[in-house]
Amino acid sequence: MPRPVADYLAMWRDLPWAPRQVLLNRSHLRGSSLAVLAGMAADLLIAHPAAEVVAYVLLVVLGPSSLVAVAGSVAHLLWDRERIWADLDCQFCGDGPDDGGGGGWESDGPDGGGLVREITDYLHDHHARTSVHA
């Protein structure tokens, strides 16, 4: 299963059980919002029925996820300012708001890599298969 599809399904699976953590995490994942905006822009720029259908499909499929991302951004802003959920840690930021903040992506763990190191290691270990047809 492709990673974006798995993330989308995991969000809806986890939302009823851990809504606070899902909101904090979704604030960093804005792909659904960007896809909806791209579909709407394509619908405005391209006067073709297919563009309209694509825009509506994106809005119906990714619209709820985009709303969760927007709500997550507001929640993350409040969390970062220590207004809500001081007992939670953001999995993307790596530290809580009371840890001095501003840790960013690079200070996820003791190795200083966290998610960025994990993604970099994955990309170095996996190579695209290419074939040359002569």
C-alpha atoms as a PDB file:
ATOM      1  CA  MET A   1       0.000   0.000   0.000  1.00  0.00           C
ATOM      2  CA  PRO A   2       1.450   3.423  -0.889  1.00  0.00           C
ATOM      3  CA  ARG A   3       2.582   5.531   2.066  1.00  0.00           C
ATOM      4  CA  PRO A   4       0.119   8.440   1.490  1.00  0.00           C
ATOM      5  CA  VAL A   5      -2.818   6.016   1.391  1.00  0.00           C
ATOM      6  CA  ALA A   6      -1.610   4.248   4.534  1.00  0.00           C
ATOM      7  CA  ASP A   7      -1.174   7.589   6.336  1.00  0.00           C
ATOM      8  CA  TYR A   8      -4.667   8.663   5.279  1.00  0.00           C
ATOM      9  CA  LEU A   9      -6.242   5.427   6.525  1.00  0.00           C
ATOM     10  CA  ALA A  10      -4.203   5.492   9.751  1.00  0.00           C
ATOM     11  CA  MET A  11      -5.396   9.029  10.449  1.00  0.00           C
ATOM     12  CA  TRP A  12      -9.048   8.009  10.274  1.00  0.00           C
ATOM     13  CA  ARG A  13      -8.351   4.851  12.287  1.00  0.00           C
ATOM     14  CA  ASP A  14      -6.556   6.754  15.065  1.00  0.00           C
ATOM     15  CA  LEU A  15      -8.703   9.894  15.186  1.00  0.00           C
ATOM     16  CA  PRO A  16     -11.411   8.441  17.482  1.00  0.00           C
ATOM     17  CA  TRP A  17      -8.824   6.890  19.848  1.00  0.00           C
ATOM     18  CA  ALA A  18      -6.168   9.615  20.078  1.00  0.00           C
ATOM     19  CA  PRO A  19      -7.617  12.844  18.667  1.00  0.00           C
ATOM     20  CA  ARG A  20      -5.128  15.157  20.388  1.00  0.00           C
ATOM     21  CA  GLN A  21      -2.078  13.305  19.041  1.00  0.00           C
ATOM     22  CA  VAL A  22      -3.590  13.030  15.556  1.00  0.00           C
ATOM     23  CA  LEU A  23      -4.240  16.779  15.483  1.00  0.00           C
ATOM     24  CA  LEU A  24      -0.678  17.587  16.537  1.00  0.00           C
ATOM     25  CA  ASN A  25       0.765  15.225  13.924  1.00  0.00           C
ATOM     26  CA  ARG A  26      -1.518  16.303  11.058  1.00  0.00           C
ATOM     27  CA  SER A  27      -0.410  19.908  11.426  1.00  0.00           C
ATOM     28  CA  HIS A  28       2.900  18.874   9.833  1.00  0.00           C
ATOM     29  CA  LEU A  29       1.330  16.910   6.968  1.00  0.00           C
ATOM     30  CA  ARG A  30      -0.293  19.345   4.562  1.00  0.00           C
ATOM     31  CA  GLY A  31      -0.395  17.165   1.452  1.00  0.00           C
ATOM     32  CA  SER A  32      -4.171  16.825   1.426  1.00  0.00           C
ATOM     33  CA  SER A  33      -4.650  20.588   1.684  1.00  0.00           C
ATOM     34  CA  LEU A  34      -2.176  21.168  -1.140  1.00  0.00           C
ATOM     35  CA  ALA A  35      -3.910  18.566  -3.320  1.00  0.00           C
ATOM     36  CA  VAL A  36      -7.321  20.163  -2.756  1.00  0.00           C
ATOM     37  CA  LEU A  37      -5.931  23.620  -3.562  1.00  0.00           C
ATOM     38  CA  ALA A  38      -4.197  22.289  -6.683  1.00  0.00           C
ATOM     39  CA  GLY A  39      -7.436  20.673  -7.866  1.00  0.00           C
ATOM     40  CA  MET A  40      -9.370  23.875  -7.286  1.00  0.00           C
ATOM     41  CA  ALA A  41      -6.702  25.923  -9.102  1.00  0.00           C
ATOM     42  CA  ALA A  42      -6.766  23.499 -12.026  1.00  0.00           C
ATOM     43  CA  ASP A  43     -10.545  23.820 -12.158  1.00  0.00           C
ATOM     44  CA  LEU A  44     -10.227  27.616 -12.300  1.00  0.00           C
ATOM     45  CA  LEU A  45      -7.508  27.626 -14.955  1.00  0.00           C
ATOM     46  CA  ILE A  46      -8.680  24.788 -17.202  1.00  0.00           C
ATOM     47  CA  ALA A  47     -12.146  25.158 -18.696  1.00  0.00           C
ATOM     48  CA  HIS A  48     -12.798  21.446 -19.171  1.00  0.00           C
ATOM     49  CA  PRO A  49     -15.327  19.150 -17.491  1.00  0.00           C
ATOM     50  CA  ALA A  50     -12.576  16.702 -16.512  1.00  0.00           C
ATOM     51  CA  ALA A  51     -10.856  19.365 -14.399  1.00  0.00           C
ATOM     52  CA  GLU A  52     -14.132  20.018 -12.628  1.00  0.00           C
ATOM     53  CA  VAL A  53     -14.635  16.328 -11.904  1.00  0.00           C
ATOM     54  CA  VAL A  54     -11.077  16.012 -10.565  1.00  0.00           C
ATOM     55  CA  ALA A  55     -11.590  19.050  -8.334  1.00  0.00           C
ATOM     56  CA  TYR A  56     -14.821  17.628  -6.905  1.00  0.00           C
ATOM     57  CA  VAL A  57     -13.293  14.196  -6.315  1.00  0.00           C
ATOM     58  CA  LEU A  58     -10.303  15.746  -4.516  1.00  0.00           C
ATOM     59  CA  LEU A  59     -12.615  17.920  -2.452  1.00  0.00           C
ATOM     60  CA  VAL A  60     -14.795  14.970  -1.404  1.00  0.00           C
ATOM     61  CA  VAL A  61     -11.938  12.528  -0.758  1.00  0.00           C
ATOM     62  CA  LEU A  62      -9.300  14.843   0.719  1.00  0.00           C
ATOM     63  CA  GLY A  63     -11.462  17.674   2.046  1.00  0.00           C
ATOM     64  CA  PRO A  64     -12.056  16.108   5.488  1.00  0.00           C
ATOM     65  CA  SER A  65      -8.356  15.306   5.848  1.00  0.00           C
ATOM     66  CA  SER A  66      -7.542  18.880   4.894  1.00  0.00           C
ATOM     67  CA  LEU A  67      -9.911  20.179   7.576  1.00  0.00           C
ATOM     68  CA  VAL A  68      -8.187  17.962  10.141  1.00  0.00           C
ATOM     69  CA  ALA A  69      -4.822  19.397   9.023  1.00  0.00           C
ATOM     70  CA  VAL A  70      -6.095  22.981   9.418  1.00  0.00           C
ATOM     71  CA  ALA A  71      -7.560  22.192  12.855  1.00  0.00           C
ATOM     72  CA  GLY A  72      -4.265  20.496  13.712  1.00  0.00           C
ATOM     73  CA  SER A  73      -2.323  23.614  12.737  1.00  0.00           C
ATOM     74  CA  VAL A  74      -4.417  25.709  15.110  1.00  0.00           C
ATOM     75  CA  ALA A  75      -4.034  23.095  17.862  1.00  0.00           C
ATOM     76  CA  HIS A  76      -0.271  22.903  17.264  1.00  0.00           C
ATOM     77  CA  LEU A  77       0.040  26.671  17.520  1.00  0.00           C
ATOM     78  CA  LEU A  78      -1.824  26.642  20.841  1.00  0.00           C
ATOM     79  CA  TRP A  79       0.211  23.640  22.024  1.00  0.00           C
ATOM     80  CA  ASP A  80       3.478  25.349  21.101  1.00  0.00           C
ATOM     81  CA  ARG A  81       2.453  28.394  23.127  1.00  0.00           C
ATOM     82  CA  GLU A  82       1.687  26.092  26.089  1.00  0.00           C
ATOM     83  CA  ARG A  83      -2.037  26.848  26.075  1.00  0.00           C
ATOM     84  CA  ILE A  84      -3.229  23.253  25.646  1.00  0.00           C
ATOM     85  CA  TRP A  85      -2.030  19.667  26.090  1.00  0.00           C
ATOM     86  CA  ALA A  86       1.205  20.216  28.005  1.00  0.00           C
ATOM     87  CA  ASP A  87       1.319  16.456  28.667  1.00  0.00           C
ATOM     88  CA  LEU A  88       1.754  15.588  24.953  1.00  0.00           C
ATOM     89  CA  ASP A  89       4.846  15.541  22.773  1.00  0.00           C
ATOM     90  CA  CYS A  90       4.655  16.315  19.072  1.00  0.00           C
ATOM     91  CA  GLN A  91       6.138  13.364  17.191  1.00  0.00           C
ATOM     92  CA  PHE A  92       7.431  15.626  14.420  1.00  0.00           C
ATOM     93  CA  CYS A  93       8.902  18.383  16.596  1.00  0.00           C
ATOM     94  CA  GLY A  94      10.440  15.873  18.970  1.00  0.00           C
ATOM     95  CA  ASP A  95       9.993  17.808  22.201  1.00  0.00           C
ATOM     96  CA  GLY A  96       7.268  19.374  24.244  1.00  0.00           C
ATOM     97  CA  PRO A  97       6.547  23.078  24.505  1.00  0.00           C
ATOM     98  CA  ASP A  98       8.122  23.172  27.965  1.00  0.00           C
ATOM     99  CA  ASP A  99      11.474  21.832  26.687  1.00  0.00           C
ATOM    100  CA  GLY A 100      12.589  25.177  25.379  1.00  0.00           C
ATOM    101  CA  GLY A 101      10.814  24.747  22.032  1.00  0.00           C
ATOM    102  CA  GLY A 102      12.356  25.440  18.691  1.00  0.00           C
ATOM    103  CA  GLY A 103      13.919  21.987  18.562  1.00  0.00           C
ATOM    104  CA  GLY A 104      12.865  21.539  14.980  1.00  0.00           C
ATOM    105  CA  TRP A 105      13.371  18.474  12.848  1.00  0.00           C
ATOM    106  CA  GLU A 106      17.022  17.933  13.618  1.00  0.00           C
ATOM    107  CA  SER A 107      16.778  17.461  17.391  1.00  0.00           C
ATOM    108  CA  ASP A 108      14.369  14.514  17.424  1.00  0.00           C
ATOM    109  CA  GLY A 109      16.558  12.281  19.502  1.00  0.00           C
ATOM    110  CA  PRO A 110      19.917  11.811  21.112  1.00  0.00           C
ATOM    111  CA  ASP A 111      21.483  11.156  17.715  1.00  0.00           C
ATOM    112  CA  GLY A 112      20.274  14.537  16.455  1.00  0.00           C
ATOM    113  CA  GLY A 113      18.555  12.978  13.441  1.00  0.00           C
ATOM    114  CA  GLY A 114      15.176  11.541  14.291  1.00  0.00           C
ATOM    115  CA  LEU A 115      12.724  11.590  11.412  1.00  0.00           C
ATOM    116  CA  VAL A 116      15.111  13.302   9.019  1.00  0.00           C
ATOM    117  CA  ARG A 117      17.787  10.665   9.640  1.00  0.00           C
ATOM    118  CA  GLU A 118      15.225   7.880   9.230  1.00  0.00           C
ATOM    119  CA  ILE A 119      14.056   9.257   5.879  1.00  0.00           C
ATOM    120  CA  THR A 120      17.625   9.858   4.714  1.00  0.00           C
ATOM    121  CA  ASP A 121      18.647   6.317   5.655  1.00  0.00           C
ATOM    122  CA  TYR A 122      15.611   4.934   3.835  1.00  0.00           C
ATOM    123  CA  LEU A 123      16.448   6.879   0.681  1.00  0.00           C
ATOM    124  CA  HIS A 124      20.086   5.751   0.781  1.00  0.00           C
ATOM    125  CA  ASP A 125      19.137   2.100   1.244  1.00  0.00           C
ATOM    126  CA  HIS A 126      16.476   1.926  -1.481  1.00  0.00           C
ATOM    127  CA  HIS A 127      17.357   2.443  -5.092  1.00  0.00           C
ATOM    128  CA  ALA A 128      15.058   2.765  -8.073  1.00  0.00           C
ATOM    129  CA  ARG A 129      15.286  -0.056 -10.556  1.00  0.00           C
ATOM    130  CA  THR A 130      16.152   1.170 -13.975  1.00  0.00           C
ATOM    131  CA  SER A 131      16.349  -0.795 -17.141  1.00  0.00           C
ATOM    132  CA  VAL A 132      17.997   0.195 -20.346  1.00  0.00           C
ATOM    133  CA  HIS A 133      16.408  -1.075 -23.507  1.00  0.00           C
ATOM    134  CA  ALA A 134      18.765  -0.980 -26.430  1.00  0.00           C
END
